[in-house]
Amino acid sequence: MPIEDDDRPRKKVTHEIGQDLSLLSVEELTERVALLKTEIARLEEAATKKRASRDAANSIFKS
């Protein structure tokens, strides 16, 4: 009896910058775009928090 695709453990989606995209399906590309958009939002949020901390520290030491 063949194993159904849904029964197999899914490989975690990862993306390496610059990798060959020609072997990926449209669905895989869409998953990676969503993954990268989520990661961009997370990075932007971290940068915003760090900027706020830096600005708060600068305002204390410049007073």
PDB file of N, CA and C in Angstrom:
ATOM      1  N   MET A   1       0.835  -1.176   0.000  1.00  0.00           N
ATOM      2  CA  MET A   1       0.000   0.000   0.000  1.00  0.00           C
ATOM      3  C   MET A   1       0.889   1.251   0.000  1.00  0.00           C
ATOM      4  N   PRO A   2       0.698   2.147  -0.982  1.00  0.00           N
ATOM      5  CA  PRO A   2       1.548   3.341  -1.038  1.00  0.00           C
ATOM      6  C   PRO A   2       1.224   4.327   0.087  1.00  0.00           C
ATOM      7  N   ILE A   3       2.237   5.011   0.495  1.00  0.00           N
ATOM      8  CA  ILE A   3       2.065   6.035   1.529  1.00  0.00           C
ATOM      9  C   ILE A   3       1.494   7.287   0.881  1.00  0.00           C
ATOM     10  N   GLU A   4       0.442   7.821   1.480  1.00  0.00           N
ATOM     11  CA  GLU A   4      -0.158   9.069   0.982  1.00  0.00           C
ATOM     12  C   GLU A   4       0.754  10.242   1.305  1.00  0.00           C
ATOM     13  N   ASP A   5       0.738  11.255   0.450  1.00  0.00           N
ATOM     14  CA  ASP A   5       1.554  12.451   0.688  1.00  0.00           C
ATOM     15  C   ASP A   5       1.235  13.099   2.026  1.00  0.00           C
ATOM     16  N   ASP A   6      -0.043  13.077   2.424  1.00  0.00           N
ATOM     17  CA  ASP A   6      -0.439  13.729   3.673  1.00  0.00           C
ATOM     18  C   ASP A   6       0.079  12.997   4.905  1.00  0.00           C
ATOM     19  N   ASP A   7       0.430  11.720   4.757  1.00  0.00           N
ATOM     20  CA  ASP A   7       0.915  10.932   5.890  1.00  0.00           C
ATOM     21  C   ASP A   7       2.402  11.149   6.154  1.00  0.00           C
ATOM     22  N   ARG A   8       3.106  11.633   5.173  1.00  0.00           N
ATOM     23  CA  ARG A   8       4.543  11.850   5.336  1.00  0.00           C
ATOM     24  C   ARG A   8       4.786  13.140   6.106  1.00  0.00           C
ATOM     25  N   PRO A   9       5.809  13.124   6.965  1.00  0.00           N
ATOM     26  CA  PRO A   9       6.124  14.384   7.657  1.00  0.00           C
ATOM     27  C   PRO A   9       6.576  15.428   6.642  1.00  0.00           C
ATOM     28  N   ARG A  10       6.067  16.633   6.791  1.00  0.00           N
ATOM     29  CA  ARG A  10       6.454  17.714   5.880  1.00  0.00           C
ATOM     30  C   ARG A  10       7.805  18.267   6.263  1.00  0.00           C
ATOM     31  N   LYS A  11       8.603  18.521   5.248  1.00  0.00           N
ATOM     32  CA  LYS A  11       9.883  19.160   5.468  1.00  0.00           C
ATOM     33  C   LYS A  11       9.628  20.621   5.811  1.00  0.00           C
ATOM     34  N   LYS A  12      10.359  21.137   6.792  1.00  0.00           N
ATOM     35  CA  LYS A  12      10.208  22.535   7.170  1.00  0.00           C
ATOM     36  C   LYS A  12      10.641  23.419   6.003  1.00  0.00           C
ATOM     37  N   VAL A  13       9.823  24.410   5.711  1.00  0.00           N
ATOM     38  CA  VAL A  13      10.131  25.327   4.618  1.00  0.00           C
ATOM     39  C   VAL A  13      11.285  26.222   5.047  1.00  0.00           C
ATOM     40  N   THR A  14      12.317  26.241   4.245  1.00  0.00           N
ATOM     41  CA  THR A  14      13.443  27.149   4.477  1.00  0.00           C
ATOM     42  C   THR A  14      13.803  27.783   3.146  1.00  0.00           C
ATOM     43  N   HIS A  15      14.509  28.852   3.229  1.00  0.00           N
ATOM     44  CA  HIS A  15      14.929  29.508   2.000  1.00  0.00           C
ATOM     45  C   HIS A  15      16.335  30.036   2.175  1.00  0.00           C
ATOM     46  N   GLU A  16      17.145  29.789   1.178  1.00  0.00           N
ATOM     47  CA  GLU A  16      18.512  30.303   1.170  1.00  0.00           C
ATOM     48  C   GLU A  16      18.570  31.410   0.125  1.00  0.00           C
ATOM     49  N   ILE A  17      19.032  32.567   0.527  1.00  0.00           N
ATOM     50  CA  ILE A  17      19.120  33.702  -0.376  1.00  0.00           C
ATOM     51  C   ILE A  17      19.992  33.323  -1.570  1.00  0.00           C
ATOM     52  N   GLY A  18      19.480  33.559  -2.773  1.00  0.00           N
ATOM     53  CA  GLY A  18      20.227  33.301  -3.995  1.00  0.00           C
ATOM     54  C   GLY A  18      20.110  31.882  -4.540  1.00  0.00           C
ATOM     55  N   GLN A  19      19.342  31.024  -3.875  1.00  0.00           N
ATOM     56  CA  GLN A  19      19.251  29.646  -4.343  1.00  0.00           C
ATOM     57  C   GLN A  19      18.493  29.551  -5.661  1.00  0.00           C
ATOM     58  N   ASP A  20      18.726  28.461  -6.394  1.00  0.00           N
ATOM     59  CA  ASP A  20      18.054  28.218  -7.667  1.00  0.00           C
ATOM     60  C   ASP A  20      16.571  27.981  -7.415  1.00  0.00           C
ATOM     61  N   LEU A  21      15.714  28.743  -8.063  1.00  0.00           N
ATOM     62  CA  LEU A  21      14.274  28.638  -7.865  1.00  0.00           C
ATOM     63  C   LEU A  21      13.585  27.811  -8.947  1.00  0.00           C
ATOM     64  N   SER A  22      14.326  27.383  -9.942  1.00  0.00           N
ATOM     65  CA  SER A  22      13.716  26.721 -11.086  1.00  0.00           C
ATOM     66  C   SER A  22      13.077  25.379 -10.751  1.00  0.00           C
ATOM     67  N   LEU A  23      13.511  24.725  -9.698  1.00  0.00           N
ATOM     68  CA  LEU A  23      12.965  23.415  -9.348  1.00  0.00           C
ATOM     69  C   LEU A  23      11.782  23.494  -8.384  1.00  0.00           C
ATOM     70  N   LEU A  24      11.422  24.699  -7.942  1.00  0.00           N
ATOM     71  CA  LEU A  24      10.331  24.862  -6.985  1.00  0.00           C
ATOM     72  C   LEU A  24       9.000  25.042  -7.699  1.00  0.00           C
ATOM     73  N   SER A  25       7.943  24.497  -7.104  1.00  0.00           N
ATOM     74  CA  SER A  25       6.598  24.657  -7.658  1.00  0.00           C
ATOM     75  C   SER A  25       6.057  26.041  -7.283  1.00  0.00           C
ATOM     76  N   VAL A  26       4.952  26.398  -7.902  1.00  0.00           N
ATOM     77  CA  VAL A  26       4.309  27.673  -7.593  1.00  0.00           C
ATOM     78  C   VAL A  26       3.911  27.695  -6.117  1.00  0.00           C
ATOM     79  N   GLU A  27       3.399  26.569  -5.616  1.00  0.00           N
ATOM     80  CA  GLU A  27       2.993  26.490  -4.211  1.00  0.00           C
ATOM     81  C   GLU A  27       4.187  26.684  -3.282  1.00  0.00           C
ATOM     82  N   GLU A  28       5.319  26.069  -3.630  1.00  0.00           N
ATOM     83  CA  GLU A  28       6.517  26.227  -2.806  1.00  0.00           C
ATOM     84  C   GLU A  28       7.013  27.668  -2.834  1.00  0.00           C
ATOM     85  N   LEU A  29       6.967  28.285  -3.991  1.00  0.00           N
ATOM     86  CA  LEU A  29       7.382  29.684  -4.089  1.00  0.00           C
ATOM     87  C   LEU A  29       6.468  30.575  -3.254  1.00  0.00           C
ATOM     88  N   THR A  30       5.165  30.310  -3.304  1.00  0.00           N
ATOM     89  CA  THR A  30       4.202  31.086  -2.526  1.00  0.00           C
ATOM     90  C   THR A  30       4.455  30.924  -1.030  1.00  0.00           C
ATOM     91  N   GLU A  31       4.748  29.707  -0.595  1.00  0.00           N
ATOM     92  CA  GLU A  31       5.067  29.452   0.815  1.00  0.00           C
ATOM     93  C   GLU A  31       6.302  30.227   1.237  1.00  0.00           C
ATOM     94  N   ARG A  32       7.290  30.244   0.374  1.00  0.00           N
ATOM     95  CA  ARG A  32       8.532  30.952   0.715  1.00  0.00           C
ATOM     96  C   ARG A  32       8.325  32.461   0.768  1.00  0.00           C
ATOM     97  N   VAL A  33       7.506  32.982  -0.126  1.00  0.00           N
ATOM     98  CA  VAL A  33       7.204  34.417  -0.096  1.00  0.00           C
ATOM     99  C   VAL A  33       6.532  34.766   1.231  1.00  0.00           C
ATOM    100  N   ALA A  34       5.557  33.947   1.646  1.00  0.00           N
ATOM    101  CA  ALA A  34       4.872  34.184   2.924  1.00  0.00           C
ATOM    102  C   ALA A  34       5.856  34.096   4.087  1.00  0.00           C
ATOM    103  N   LEU A  35       6.726  33.099   4.055  1.00  0.00           N
ATOM    104  CA  LEU A  35       7.736  32.932   5.098  1.00  0.00           C
ATOM    105  C   LEU A  35       8.638  34.162   5.187  1.00  0.00           C
ATOM    106  N   LEU A  36       9.099  34.636   4.037  1.00  0.00           N
ATOM    107  CA  LEU A  36      10.003  35.784   4.015  1.00  0.00           C
ATOM    108  C   LEU A  36       9.293  37.073   4.434  1.00  0.00           C
ATOM    109  N   LYS A  37       8.023  37.246   4.059  1.00  0.00           N
ATOM    110  CA  LYS A  37       7.276  38.425   4.498  1.00  0.00           C
ATOM    111  C   LYS A  37       7.122  38.441   6.014  1.00  0.00           C
ATOM    112  N   THR A  38       6.855  37.273   6.584  1.00  0.00           N
ATOM    113  CA  THR A  38       6.752  37.164   8.042  1.00  0.00           C
ATOM    114  C   THR A  38       8.080  37.505   8.696  1.00  0.00           C
ATOM    115  N   GLU A  39       9.158  37.014   8.118  1.00  0.00           N
ATOM    116  CA  GLU A  39      10.485  37.288   8.676  1.00  0.00           C
ATOM    117  C   GLU A  39      10.837  38.769   8.545  1.00  0.00           C
ATOM    118  N   ILE A  40      10.482  39.403   7.445  1.00  0.00           N
ATOM    119  CA  ILE A  40      10.733  40.835   7.270  1.00  0.00           C
ATOM    120  C   ILE A  40       9.995  41.630   8.334  1.00  0.00           C
ATOM    121  N   ALA A  41       8.745  41.279   8.583  1.00  0.00           N
ATOM    122  CA  ALA A  41       7.964  41.977   9.617  1.00  0.00           C
ATOM    123  C   ALA A  41       8.616  41.808  10.985  1.00  0.00           C
ATOM    124  N   ARG A  42       9.103  40.609  11.272  1.00  0.00           N
ATOM    125  CA  ARG A  42       9.767  40.348  12.556  1.00  0.00           C
ATOM    126  C   ARG A  42      11.054  41.170  12.688  1.00  0.00           C
ATOM    127  N   LEU A  43      11.814  41.253  11.607  1.00  0.00           N
ATOM    128  CA  LEU A  43      13.048  42.045  11.622  1.00  0.00           C
ATOM    129  C   LEU A  43      12.769  43.534  11.790  1.00  0.00           C
ATOM    130  N   GLU A  44      11.739  44.022  11.098  1.00  0.00           N
ATOM    131  CA  GLU A  44      11.379  45.435  11.217  1.00  0.00           C
ATOM    132  C   GLU A  44      10.924  45.774  12.633  1.00  0.00           C
ATOM    133  N   GLU A  45      10.164  44.869  13.254  1.00  0.00           N
ATOM    134  CA  GLU A  45       9.712  45.084  14.630  1.00  0.00           C
ATOM    135  C   GLU A  45      10.898  45.119  15.594  1.00  0.00           C
ATOM    136  N   ALA A  46      11.848  44.213  15.407  1.00  0.00           N
ATOM    137  CA  ALA A  46      13.040  44.188  16.261  1.00  0.00           C
ATOM    138  C   ALA A  46      13.850  45.470  16.094  1.00  0.00           C
ATOM    139  N   ALA A  47      13.991  45.929  14.856  1.00  0.00           N
ATOM    140  CA  ALA A  47      14.745  47.166  14.600  1.00  0.00           C
ATOM    141  C   ALA A  47      14.048  48.361  15.245  1.00  0.00           C
ATOM    142  N   THR A  48      12.721  48.407  15.172  1.00  0.00           N
ATOM    143  CA  THR A  48      11.961  49.499  15.779  1.00  0.00           C
ATOM    144  C   THR A  48      12.168  49.513  17.291  1.00  0.00           C
ATOM    145  N   LYS A  49      12.113  48.348  17.926  1.00  0.00           N
ATOM    146  CA  LYS A  49      12.319  48.261  19.378  1.00  0.00           C
ATOM    147  C   LYS A  49      13.730  48.689  19.758  1.00  0.00           C
ATOM    148  N   LYS A  50      14.710  48.266  18.969  1.00  0.00           N
ATOM    149  CA  LYS A  50      16.097  48.649  19.277  1.00  0.00           C
ATOM    150  C   LYS A  50      16.315  50.145  19.100  1.00  0.00           C
ATOM    151  N   ARG A  51      15.705  50.717  18.061  1.00  0.00           N
ATOM    152  CA  ARG A  51      15.802  52.168  17.861  1.00  0.00           C
ATOM    153  C   ARG A  51      15.201  52.917  19.046  1.00  0.00           C
ATOM    154  N   ALA A  52      14.039  52.447  19.518  1.00  0.00           N
ATOM    155  CA  ALA A  52      13.383  53.097  20.651  1.00  0.00           C
ATOM    156  C   ALA A  52      14.256  53.015  21.899  1.00  0.00           C
ATOM    157  N   SER A  53      14.875  51.863  22.141  1.00  0.00           N
ATOM    158  CA  SER A  53      15.776  51.716  23.294  1.00  0.00           C
ATOM    159  C   SER A  53      16.981  52.633  23.169  1.00  0.00           C
ATOM    160  N   ARG A  54      17.547  52.687  21.973  1.00  0.00           N
ATOM    161  CA  ARG A  54      18.722  53.540  21.746  1.00  0.00           C
ATOM    162  C   ARG A  54      18.357  55.000  21.929  1.00  0.00           C
ATOM    163  N   ASP A  55      17.211  55.413  21.386  1.00  0.00           N
ATOM    164  CA  ASP A  55      16.781  56.803  21.513  1.00  0.00           C
ATOM    165  C   ASP A  55      16.503  57.174  22.970  1.00  0.00           C
ATOM    166  N   ALA A  56      15.917  56.228  23.729  1.00  0.00           N
ATOM    167  CA  ALA A  56      15.659  56.481  25.149  1.00  0.00           C
ATOM    168  C   ALA A  56      16.974  56.636  25.907  1.00  0.00           C
ATOM    169  N   ALA A  57      17.939  55.788  25.623  1.00  0.00           N
ATOM    170  CA  ALA A  57      19.242  55.879  26.280  1.00  0.00           C
ATOM    171  C   ALA A  57      19.944  57.172  25.897  1.00  0.00           C
ATOM    172  N   ASN A  58      19.876  57.535  24.627  1.00  0.00           N
ATOM    173  CA  ASN A  58      20.512  58.785  24.187  1.00  0.00           C
ATOM    174  C   ASN A  58      19.893  59.991  24.867  1.00  0.00           C
ATOM    175  N   SER A  59      18.592  59.981  25.061  1.00  0.00           N
ATOM    176  CA  SER A  59      17.942  61.139  25.684  1.00  0.00           C
ATOM    177  C   SER A  59      18.338  61.264  27.153  1.00  0.00           C
ATOM    178  N   ILE A  60      18.592  60.143  27.814  1.00  0.00           N
ATOM    179  CA  ILE A  60      19.021  60.189  29.224  1.00  0.00           C
ATOM    180  C   ILE A  60      20.439  60.742  29.322  1.00  0.00           C
ATOM    181  N   PHE A  61      21.335  60.283  28.475  1.00  0.00           N
ATOM    182  CA  PHE A  61      22.728  60.686  28.574  1.00  0.00           C
ATOM    183  C   PHE A  61      22.992  62.066  27.979  1.00  0.00           C
ATOM    184  N   LYS A  62      22.120  62.580  27.163  1.00  0.00           N
ATOM    185  CA  LYS A  62      22.307  63.917  26.583  1.00  0.00           C
ATOM    186  C   LYS A  62      21.697  65.000  27.465  1.00  0.00           C
ATOM    187  N   SER A  63      20.942  64.586  28.466  1.00  0.00           N
ATOM    188  CA  SER A  63      20.293  65.576  29.358  1.00  0.00           C
ATOM    189  C   SER A  63      21.265  66.209  30.305  1.00  0.00           C
TER     190      SER A  63
END
